[in-house]
Amino acid sequence: MTLSQRHPRLRPAAVLAHRATRRAQWLLGDTDWATYRAPDELPVRLQRHGSLLLRELAGAEMVLQHNKVVNLRIAAPRVDRLVIGPGQTFSFNKVVGNCTRRKGYVEGMRLSDGAAVPGVGGGICQLANLLHWMVLHSPLTVVERSEHSFDPFPDNGRVLPWGVGCSIAYNYVDLVVRNDTATTFQLRTWVGERHLRGELRADRELPVSYSVEAREERFERGDDGLVRRSNEIWRSTVDRRTGDVVATELVRRNRAVVKYAVGV
């Protein structure tokens, strides 16, 4: 537990300090940040994904779902067509920026301190989730990624494995991805009629493809009465020519408190 978690009154000061440190890294560090958005698509599509915009939730939560779509319509174009060249690094917070009312963001659903609460800019984590999932299907390196400390909703209609999502808070909780290859990549993101859409594109074909799966899924009730969910996220690298699996790696072990009823 951090100092600001033990002493909540210190949290605003801690947030300001983290934000100042991050801005200094952006301005003064030697990282080559990805900022260029190309007018044209790169020729090769490596991965595509769509995530449902609206889930059937109750009353006020449904209003926050619709507001989330408003927020995604503002945030997605900030990322769309962004190029990540060799040696460059992508920062979600640097590219999307601070989600404020002045920029048109409204109150959507945010996950904070173990609860789903209204917050300006709420819902843009869905965009970060989509980006992270596509990046996992590429040789790009995930430098920084934070997950939610709890599992808020059951798996009804879930498409992606639990545990591959991202937590985003401007500007100190981020999704950061580095290109350590000789290939140039491009992100495509847009809001469709029913889905948030994304593509990861490149300037050349890759010799391998990737598959990502969850293993060791389980729910356990602890001595404190809380139910915790855990799993492992594994990635396989497949030779496109032969179809053989040439590498398998453990990406992440996840464990979080469950916030819905589970029969264990």
C-alpha atoms as a PDB file:
ATOM      1  CA  MET A   1       0.000   0.000   0.000  1.00  0.00           C
ATOM      2  CA  THR A   2       1.338   3.406  -0.977  1.00  0.00           C
ATOM      3  CA  LEU A   3       1.628   6.392   1.367  1.00  0.00           C
ATOM      4  CA  SER A   4      -1.274   8.181  -0.367  1.00  0.00           C
ATOM      5  CA  GLN A   5      -3.442   5.066   0.017  1.00  0.00           C
ATOM      6  CA  ARG A   6      -2.731   4.952   3.748  1.00  0.00           C
ATOM      7  CA  HIS A   7      -3.333   8.707   4.042  1.00  0.00           C
ATOM      8  CA  PRO A   8      -6.009   9.749   1.489  1.00  0.00           C
ATOM      9  CA  ARG A   9      -5.523  13.457   2.259  1.00  0.00           C
ATOM     10  CA  LEU A  10      -2.102  13.239   0.654  1.00  0.00           C
ATOM     11  CA  ARG A  11      -3.490  11.895  -2.606  1.00  0.00           C
ATOM     12  CA  PRO A  12      -4.059  15.249  -4.438  1.00  0.00           C
ATOM     13  CA  ALA A  13      -0.459  16.273  -3.724  1.00  0.00           C
ATOM     14  CA  ALA A  14       0.800  12.861  -4.838  1.00  0.00           C
ATOM     15  CA  VAL A  15      -1.156  13.132  -8.096  1.00  0.00           C
ATOM     16  CA  LEU A  16       0.298  16.587  -8.807  1.00  0.00           C
ATOM     17  CA  ALA A  17       3.800  15.315  -8.127  1.00  0.00           C
ATOM     18  CA  HIS A  18       3.324  12.337 -10.452  1.00  0.00           C
ATOM     19  CA  ARG A  19       1.936  14.592 -13.185  1.00  0.00           C
ATOM     20  CA  ALA A  20       4.842  17.020 -12.894  1.00  0.00           C
ATOM     21  CA  THR A  21       7.348  14.169 -13.086  1.00  0.00           C
ATOM     22  CA  ARG A  22       5.660  12.745 -16.174  1.00  0.00           C
ATOM     23  CA  ARG A  23       5.569  16.114 -17.959  1.00  0.00           C
ATOM     24  CA  ALA A  24       9.272  16.563 -17.257  1.00  0.00           C
ATOM     25  CA  GLN A  25       9.954  13.140 -18.789  1.00  0.00           C
ATOM     26  CA  TRP A  26       7.963  14.082 -21.889  1.00  0.00           C
ATOM     27  CA  LEU A  27       9.737  17.433 -22.322  1.00  0.00           C
ATOM     28  CA  LEU A  28      13.283  16.792 -21.122  1.00  0.00           C
ATOM     29  CA  GLY A  29      13.907  13.080 -21.628  1.00  0.00           C
ATOM     30  CA  ASP A  30      15.631  11.568 -24.646  1.00  0.00           C
ATOM     31  CA  THR A  31      12.687   9.327 -25.638  1.00  0.00           C
ATOM     32  CA  ASP A  32      11.573   9.673 -29.253  1.00  0.00           C
ATOM     33  CA  TRP A  33       7.812   9.974 -28.753  1.00  0.00           C
ATOM     34  CA  ALA A  34       5.435   8.972 -31.550  1.00  0.00           C
ATOM     35  CA  THR A  35       3.439  12.052 -32.610  1.00  0.00           C
ATOM     36  CA  TYR A  36       3.052  11.871 -36.401  1.00  0.00           C
ATOM     37  CA  ARG A  37      -0.335  10.902 -37.847  1.00  0.00           C
ATOM     38  CA  ALA A  38       0.040   9.879 -41.482  1.00  0.00           C
ATOM     39  CA  PRO A  39      -2.672  10.857 -43.987  1.00  0.00           C
ATOM     40  CA  ASP A  40      -2.550   7.416 -45.620  1.00  0.00           C
ATOM     41  CA  GLU A  41      -2.753   3.882 -44.273  1.00  0.00           C
ATOM     42  CA  LEU A  42       0.302   1.667 -44.157  1.00  0.00           C
ATOM     43  CA  PRO A  43      -0.202  -1.237 -46.591  1.00  0.00           C
ATOM     44  CA  VAL A  44      -0.265  -4.306 -44.319  1.00  0.00           C
ATOM     45  CA  ARG A  45      -3.010  -4.987 -41.762  1.00  0.00           C
ATOM     46  CA  LEU A  46      -1.612  -7.115 -38.940  1.00  0.00           C
ATOM     47  CA  GLN A  47      -4.546  -7.118 -36.537  1.00  0.00           C
ATOM     48  CA  ARG A  48      -8.072  -5.771 -36.291  1.00  0.00           C
ATOM     49  CA  HIS A  49     -10.535  -5.742 -33.410  1.00  0.00           C
ATOM     50  CA  GLY A  50     -13.921  -4.358 -32.478  1.00  0.00           C
ATOM     51  CA  SER A  51     -15.306  -3.940 -28.961  1.00  0.00           C
ATOM     52  CA  LEU A  52     -19.000  -3.416 -28.218  1.00  0.00           C
ATOM     53  CA  LEU A  53     -19.781   0.167 -27.246  1.00  0.00           C
ATOM     54  CA  LEU A  54     -22.868  -0.405 -25.092  1.00  0.00           C
ATOM     55  CA  ARG A  55     -23.473  -3.123 -22.526  1.00  0.00           C
ATOM     56  CA  GLU A  56     -26.915  -3.616 -21.001  1.00  0.00           C
ATOM     57  CA  LEU A  57     -26.637  -2.060 -17.555  1.00  0.00           C
ATOM     58  CA  ALA A  58     -29.155  -0.538 -15.173  1.00  0.00           C
ATOM     59  CA  GLY A  59     -30.624   2.994 -15.217  1.00  0.00           C
ATOM     60  CA  ALA A  60     -28.028   5.666 -14.503  1.00  0.00           C
ATOM     61  CA  GLU A  61     -25.225   3.328 -15.534  1.00  0.00           C
ATOM     62  CA  MET A  62     -26.735   3.162 -19.037  1.00  0.00           C
ATOM     63  CA  VAL A  63     -26.552   6.964 -19.262  1.00  0.00           C
ATOM     64  CA  LEU A  64     -22.852   6.744 -18.404  1.00  0.00           C
ATOM     65  CA  GLN A  65     -22.465   4.118 -21.143  1.00  0.00           C
ATOM     66  CA  HIS A  66     -23.879   6.531 -23.733  1.00  0.00           C
ATOM     67  CA  ASN A  67     -21.635   9.296 -22.397  1.00  0.00           C
ATOM     68  CA  LYS A  68     -18.683   6.939 -22.784  1.00  0.00           C
ATOM     69  CA  VAL A  69     -19.412   6.797 -26.516  1.00  0.00           C
ATOM     70  CA  VAL A  70     -19.270  10.612 -26.622  1.00  0.00           C
ATOM     71  CA  ASN A  71     -15.849  10.470 -24.991  1.00  0.00           C
ATOM     72  CA  LEU A  72     -14.569   7.771 -27.329  1.00  0.00           C
ATOM     73  CA  ARG A  73     -15.663   9.804 -30.356  1.00  0.00           C
ATOM     74  CA  ILE A  74     -13.338  12.577 -29.117  1.00  0.00           C
ATOM     75  CA  ALA A  75     -10.418  10.379 -28.060  1.00  0.00           C
ATOM     76  CA  ALA A  76     -10.271   7.868 -30.945  1.00  0.00           C
ATOM     77  CA  PRO A  77      -9.364  10.439 -33.647  1.00  0.00           C
ATOM     78  CA  ARG A  78      -6.402  11.567 -31.513  1.00  0.00           C
ATOM     79  CA  VAL A  79      -4.893   8.097 -31.938  1.00  0.00           C
ATOM     80  CA  ASP A  80      -6.120   7.298 -35.447  1.00  0.00           C
ATOM     81  CA  ARG A  81      -3.356   6.980 -38.102  1.00  0.00           C
ATOM     82  CA  LEU A  82      -0.590   7.514 -35.537  1.00  0.00           C
ATOM     83  CA  VAL A  83       2.720   6.105 -36.772  1.00  0.00           C
ATOM     84  CA  ILE A  84       5.168   4.351 -34.419  1.00  0.00           C
ATOM     85  CA  GLY A  85       8.475   4.237 -36.260  1.00  0.00           C
ATOM     86  CA  PRO A  86      11.547   2.179 -35.361  1.00  0.00           C
ATOM     87  CA  GLY A  87      12.904   3.346 -32.017  1.00  0.00           C
ATOM     88  CA  GLN A  88       9.808   5.415 -31.213  1.00  0.00           C
ATOM     89  CA  THR A  89       7.594   5.159 -28.144  1.00  0.00           C
ATOM     90  CA  PHE A  90       3.815   5.595 -27.927  1.00  0.00           C
ATOM     91  CA  SER A  91       2.211   7.057 -24.797  1.00  0.00           C
ATOM     92  CA  PHE A  92      -1.585   6.890 -24.603  1.00  0.00           C
ATOM     93  CA  ASN A  93      -1.781   9.868 -22.243  1.00  0.00           C
ATOM     94  CA  LYS A  94       0.611  11.977 -24.291  1.00  0.00           C
ATOM     95  CA  VAL A  95      -1.325  11.357 -27.506  1.00  0.00           C
ATOM     96  CA  VAL A  96      -4.899  11.577 -26.167  1.00  0.00           C
ATOM     97  CA  GLY A  97      -4.193  14.301 -23.596  1.00  0.00           C
ATOM     98  CA  ASN A  98      -6.165  15.299 -20.538  1.00  0.00           C
ATOM     99  CA  CYS A  99      -9.888  14.553 -20.922  1.00  0.00           C
ATOM    100  CA  THR A 100     -11.498  17.783 -19.706  1.00  0.00           C
ATOM    101  CA  ARG A 101     -14.932  19.372 -20.051  1.00  0.00           C
ATOM    102  CA  ARG A 102     -13.343  22.188 -22.064  1.00  0.00           C
ATOM    103  CA  LYS A 103     -12.454  19.652 -24.755  1.00  0.00           C
ATOM    104  CA  GLY A 104     -16.022  18.309 -24.843  1.00  0.00           C
ATOM    105  CA  TYR A 105     -15.637  15.264 -22.588  1.00  0.00           C
ATOM    106  CA  VAL A 106     -18.603  14.344 -20.402  1.00  0.00           C
ATOM    107  CA  GLU A 107     -19.174  12.144 -17.358  1.00  0.00           C
ATOM    108  CA  GLY A 108     -18.760   8.484 -18.188  1.00  0.00           C
ATOM    109  CA  MET A 109     -18.132   5.428 -16.067  1.00  0.00           C
ATOM    110  CA  ARG A 110     -14.738   5.307 -14.386  1.00  0.00           C
ATOM    111  CA  LEU A 111     -13.341   2.517 -12.239  1.00  0.00           C
ATOM    112  CA  SER A 112     -11.784   4.021  -9.123  1.00  0.00           C
ATOM    113  CA  ASP A 113     -10.833   2.602  -5.721  1.00  0.00           C
ATOM    114  CA  GLY A 114     -12.866  -0.553  -6.177  1.00  0.00           C
ATOM    115  CA  ALA A 115     -16.045   1.021  -7.532  1.00  0.00           C
ATOM    116  CA  ALA A 116     -17.587   2.210 -10.792  1.00  0.00           C
ATOM    117  CA  VAL A 117     -18.147   5.972 -10.442  1.00  0.00           C
ATOM    118  CA  PRO A 118     -19.024   8.889 -12.763  1.00  0.00           C
ATOM    119  CA  GLY A 119     -16.087  10.925 -13.983  1.00  0.00           C
ATOM    120  CA  VAL A 120     -15.315  13.337 -16.810  1.00  0.00           C
ATOM    121  CA  GLY A 121     -13.693  11.377 -19.617  1.00  0.00           C
ATOM    122  CA  GLY A 122     -14.877   8.080 -18.182  1.00  0.00           C
ATOM    123  CA  GLY A 123     -14.796   5.157 -20.599  1.00  0.00           C
ATOM    124  CA  ILE A 124     -11.639   5.955 -22.557  1.00  0.00           C
ATOM    125  CA  CYS A 125     -10.028   2.906 -20.949  1.00  0.00           C
ATOM    126  CA  GLN A 126     -11.933   0.967 -23.616  1.00  0.00           C
ATOM    127  CA  LEU A 127      -9.713   2.606 -26.225  1.00  0.00           C
ATOM    128  CA  ALA A 128      -6.574   1.711 -24.268  1.00  0.00           C
ATOM    129  CA  ASN A 129      -7.869  -1.864 -23.890  1.00  0.00           C
ATOM    130  CA  LEU A 130      -8.315  -2.173 -27.649  1.00  0.00           C
ATOM    131  CA  LEU A 131      -4.821  -0.806 -28.325  1.00  0.00           C
ATOM    132  CA  HIS A 132      -3.205  -3.128 -25.785  1.00  0.00           C
ATOM    133  CA  TRP A 133      -4.944  -6.161 -27.280  1.00  0.00           C
ATOM    134  CA  MET A 134      -3.694  -5.304 -30.769  1.00  0.00           C
ATOM    135  CA  VAL A 135      -0.173  -4.608 -29.506  1.00  0.00           C
ATOM    136  CA  LEU A 136      -0.098  -8.064 -27.888  1.00  0.00           C
ATOM    137  CA  HIS A 137      -0.465  -9.442 -31.428  1.00  0.00           C
ATOM    138  CA  SER A 138       2.714  -7.727 -32.586  1.00  0.00           C
ATOM    139  CA  PRO A 139       6.436  -7.510 -31.748  1.00  0.00           C
ATOM    140  CA  LEU A 140       5.922  -4.095 -30.120  1.00  0.00           C
ATOM    141  CA  THR A 141       7.181  -3.902 -26.524  1.00  0.00           C
ATOM    142  CA  VAL A 142       4.764  -2.952 -23.726  1.00  0.00           C
ATOM    143  CA  VAL A 143       6.842  -0.680 -21.480  1.00  0.00           C
ATOM    144  CA  GLU A 144       4.106   0.387 -19.083  1.00  0.00           C
ATOM    145  CA  ARG A 145       0.618  -0.878 -18.463  1.00  0.00           C
ATOM    146  CA  SER A 146      -1.559  -0.863 -15.327  1.00  0.00           C
ATOM    147  CA  GLU A 147      -4.609  -3.026 -14.808  1.00  0.00           C
ATOM    148  CA  HIS A 148      -7.647  -2.454 -12.612  1.00  0.00           C
ATOM    149  CA  SER A 149      -7.249  -3.788  -9.093  1.00  0.00           C
ATOM    150  CA  PHE A 150     -10.722  -5.395  -9.149  1.00  0.00           C
ATOM    151  CA  ASP A 151     -13.040  -7.253 -11.511  1.00  0.00           C
ATOM    152  CA  PRO A 152     -16.207  -5.114 -11.709  1.00  0.00           C
ATOM    153  CA  PHE A 153     -18.496  -7.019 -14.113  1.00  0.00           C
ATOM    154  CA  PRO A 154     -19.273 -10.670 -14.938  1.00  0.00           C
ATOM    155  CA  ASP A 155     -18.211 -12.137 -18.271  1.00  0.00           C
ATOM    156  CA  ASN A 156     -21.580 -11.819 -20.059  1.00  0.00           C
ATOM    157  CA  GLY A 157     -20.685 -11.118 -23.680  1.00  0.00           C
ATOM    158  CA  ARG A 158     -16.956 -10.852 -22.986  1.00  0.00           C
ATOM    159  CA  VAL A 159     -14.881 -11.283 -26.148  1.00  0.00           C
ATOM    160  CA  LEU A 160     -11.346 -10.711 -24.868  1.00  0.00           C
ATOM    161  CA  PRO A 161      -9.836 -12.701 -21.994  1.00  0.00           C
ATOM    162  CA  TRP A 162     -10.191 -11.184 -18.557  1.00  0.00           C
ATOM    163  CA  GLY A 163      -6.956  -9.532 -17.500  1.00  0.00           C
ATOM    164  CA  VAL A 164      -5.806  -7.887 -20.741  1.00  0.00           C
ATOM    165  CA  GLY A 165      -7.431  -4.494 -20.054  1.00  0.00           C
ATOM    166  CA  CYS A 166      -5.748  -1.253 -19.020  1.00  0.00           C
ATOM    167  CA  SER A 167      -6.250   1.377 -16.359  1.00  0.00           C
ATOM    168  CA  ILE A 168      -5.701   4.967 -17.518  1.00  0.00           C
ATOM    169  CA  ALA A 169      -5.467   8.128 -15.420  1.00  0.00           C
ATOM    170  CA  TYR A 170      -3.962  11.296 -16.863  1.00  0.00           C
ATOM    171  CA  ASN A 171      -1.085  11.465 -16.884  1.00  0.00           C
ATOM    172  CA  TYR A 172       0.522   9.131 -14.368  1.00  0.00           C
ATOM    173  CA  VAL A 173      -1.259   5.828 -15.127  1.00  0.00           C
ATOM    174  CA  ASP A 174      -0.462   5.143 -18.758  1.00  0.00           C
ATOM    175  CA  LEU A 175      -0.170   2.645 -21.583  1.00  0.00           C
ATOM    176  CA  VAL A 176       3.319   3.015 -23.065  1.00  0.00           C
ATOM    177  CA  VAL A 177       4.549   0.960 -26.033  1.00  0.00           C
ATOM    178  CA  ARG A 178       7.988   0.993 -27.688  1.00  0.00           C
ATOM    179  CA  ASN A 179       8.975  -0.098 -31.175  1.00  0.00           C
ATOM    180  CA  ASP A 180      12.229  -2.060 -30.882  1.00  0.00           C
ATOM    181  CA  THR A 181      12.015  -3.386 -34.455  1.00  0.00           C
ATOM    182  CA  ALA A 182      12.940  -2.175 -37.938  1.00  0.00           C
ATOM    183  CA  THR A 183       9.261  -2.194 -38.946  1.00  0.00           C
ATOM    184  CA  THR A 184       7.057   0.907 -38.963  1.00  0.00           C
ATOM    185  CA  PHE A 185       3.622   0.430 -37.370  1.00  0.00           C
ATOM    186  CA  GLN A 186       0.428   2.463 -37.543  1.00  0.00           C
ATOM    187  CA  LEU A 187      -2.653   2.591 -35.308  1.00  0.00           C
ATOM    188  CA  ARG A 188      -6.161   2.986 -36.723  1.00  0.00           C
ATOM    189  CA  THR A 189      -9.018   3.719 -34.295  1.00  0.00           C
ATOM    190  CA  TRP A 190     -12.567   4.880 -34.927  1.00  0.00           C
ATOM    191  CA  VAL A 191     -16.090   4.626 -33.474  1.00  0.00           C
ATOM    192  CA  GLY A 192     -18.519   2.640 -35.570  1.00  0.00           C
ATOM    193  CA  GLU A 193     -22.262   2.221 -35.221  1.00  0.00           C
ATOM    194  CA  ARG A 194     -22.093  -0.412 -32.474  1.00  0.00           C
ATOM    195  CA  HIS A 195     -18.383  -1.029 -31.903  1.00  0.00           C
ATOM    196  CA  LEU A 196     -15.147   0.762 -31.175  1.00  0.00           C
ATOM    197  CA  ARG A 197     -12.925  -0.344 -34.066  1.00  0.00           C
ATOM    198  CA  GLY A 198      -9.193  -0.666 -34.381  1.00  0.00           C
ATOM    199  CA  GLU A 199      -6.468  -1.905 -36.683  1.00  0.00           C
ATOM    200  CA  LEU A 200      -2.734  -2.320 -36.286  1.00  0.00           C
ATOM    201  CA  ARG A 201      -0.980  -1.827 -39.621  1.00  0.00           C
ATOM    202  CA  ALA A 202       2.627  -2.037 -40.792  1.00  0.00           C
ATOM    203  CA  ASP A 203       4.841  -1.112 -43.725  1.00  0.00           C
ATOM    204  CA  ARG A 204       5.738  -4.772 -44.401  1.00  0.00           C
ATOM    205  CA  GLU A 205       4.574  -8.312 -43.803  1.00  0.00           C
ATOM    206  CA  LEU A 206       5.887 -10.000 -40.670  1.00  0.00           C
ATOM    207  CA  PRO A 207       7.272 -13.552 -40.721  1.00  0.00           C
ATOM    208  CA  VAL A 208       5.226 -14.481 -37.643  1.00  0.00           C
ATOM    209  CA  SER A 209       1.747 -14.033 -36.204  1.00  0.00           C
ATOM    210  CA  TYR A 210       0.585 -14.140 -32.584  1.00  0.00           C
ATOM    211  CA  SER A 211      -2.213 -15.735 -30.560  1.00  0.00           C
ATOM    212  CA  VAL A 212      -3.146 -14.744 -27.012  1.00  0.00           C
ATOM    213  CA  GLU A 213      -5.130 -16.831 -24.535  1.00  0.00           C
ATOM    214  CA  ALA A 214      -5.999 -17.053 -20.846  1.00  0.00           C
ATOM    215  CA  ARG A 215      -5.036 -20.100 -18.794  1.00  0.00           C
ATOM    216  CA  GLU A 216      -5.487 -21.224 -15.186  1.00  0.00           C
ATOM    217  CA  GLU A 217      -8.761 -19.337 -14.741  1.00  0.00           C
ATOM    218  CA  ARG A 218     -10.153 -19.625 -11.214  1.00  0.00           C
ATOM    219  CA  PHE A 219     -12.210 -17.922  -8.510  1.00  0.00           C
ATOM    220  CA  GLU A 220     -11.212 -18.359  -4.849  1.00  0.00           C
ATOM    221  CA  ARG A 221     -12.823 -17.143  -1.638  1.00  0.00           C
ATOM    222  CA  GLY A 222     -10.260 -15.979   0.902  1.00  0.00           C
ATOM    223  CA  ASP A 223     -10.331 -16.072   4.692  1.00  0.00           C
ATOM    224  CA  ASP A 224     -11.460 -12.421   4.580  1.00  0.00           C
ATOM    225  CA  GLY A 225     -14.638 -13.489   2.734  1.00  0.00           C
ATOM    226  CA  LEU A 226     -13.655 -11.736  -0.500  1.00  0.00           C
ATOM    227  CA  VAL A 227     -13.686 -13.604  -3.798  1.00  0.00           C
ATOM    228  CA  ARG A 228     -10.602 -13.153  -5.954  1.00  0.00           C
ATOM    229  CA  ARG A 229     -10.184 -14.020  -9.584  1.00  0.00           C
ATOM    230  CA  SER A 230      -6.889 -15.058 -11.103  1.00  0.00           C
ATOM    231  CA  ASN A 231      -5.527 -16.238 -14.426  1.00  0.00           C
ATOM    232  CA  GLU A 232      -2.469 -16.227 -16.642  1.00  0.00           C
ATOM    233  CA  ILE A 233      -2.194 -14.574 -20.054  1.00  0.00           C
ATOM    234  CA  TRP A 234      -0.023 -16.500 -22.528  1.00  0.00           C
ATOM    235  CA  ARG A 235       1.136 -15.527 -26.009  1.00  0.00           C
ATOM    236  CA  SER A 236       2.243 -17.900 -28.760  1.00  0.00           C
ATOM    237  CA  THR A 237       4.365 -16.841 -31.733  1.00  0.00           C
ATOM    238  CA  VAL A 238       3.514 -18.721 -34.936  1.00  0.00           C
ATOM    239  CA  ASP A 239       5.662 -19.035 -38.069  1.00  0.00           C
ATOM    240  CA  ARG A 240       3.433 -17.820 -40.912  1.00  0.00           C
ATOM    241  CA  ARG A 241       5.126 -20.075 -43.463  1.00  0.00           C
ATOM    242  CA  THR A 242       4.914 -23.383 -41.603  1.00  0.00           C
ATOM    243  CA  GLY A 243       2.168 -22.734 -39.039  1.00  0.00           C
ATOM    244  CA  ASP A 244       4.481 -23.995 -36.276  1.00  0.00           C
ATOM    245  CA  VAL A 245       4.531 -22.402 -32.824  1.00  0.00           C
ATOM    246  CA  VAL A 246       8.079 -21.091 -32.451  1.00  0.00           C
ATOM    247  CA  ALA A 247       7.750 -19.454 -29.010  1.00  0.00           C
ATOM    248  CA  THR A 248       5.372 -19.328 -26.055  1.00  0.00           C
ATOM    249  CA  GLU A 249       5.605 -16.776 -23.280  1.00  0.00           C
ATOM    250  CA  LEU A 250       3.788 -15.853 -20.088  1.00  0.00           C
ATOM    251  CA  VAL A 251       2.662 -12.244 -20.529  1.00  0.00           C
ATOM    252  CA  ARG A 252       0.970 -11.609 -17.205  1.00  0.00           C
ATOM    253  CA  ARG A 253      -0.376 -13.171 -14.032  1.00  0.00           C
ATOM    254  CA  ASN A 254      -3.580 -11.455 -12.892  1.00  0.00           C
ATOM    255  CA  ARG A 255      -5.316 -11.452  -9.516  1.00  0.00           C
ATOM    256  CA  ALA A 256      -8.121  -9.115  -8.458  1.00  0.00           C
ATOM    257  CA  VAL A 257     -11.052  -8.794  -6.078  1.00  0.00           C
ATOM    258  CA  VAL A 258     -14.409  -9.679  -7.675  1.00  0.00           C
ATOM    259  CA  LYS A 259     -17.197  -7.106  -7.275  1.00  0.00           C
ATOM    260  CA  TYR A 260     -20.155  -9.274  -8.377  1.00  0.00           C
ATOM    261  CA  ALA A 261     -21.796 -12.404  -6.998  1.00  0.00           C
ATOM    262  CA  VAL A 262     -19.856 -15.605  -7.658  1.00  0.00           C
ATOM    263  CA  GLY A 263     -20.880 -19.055  -6.417  1.00  0.00           C
ATOM    264  CA  VAL A 264     -17.674 -20.225  -4.754  1.00  0.00           C
END
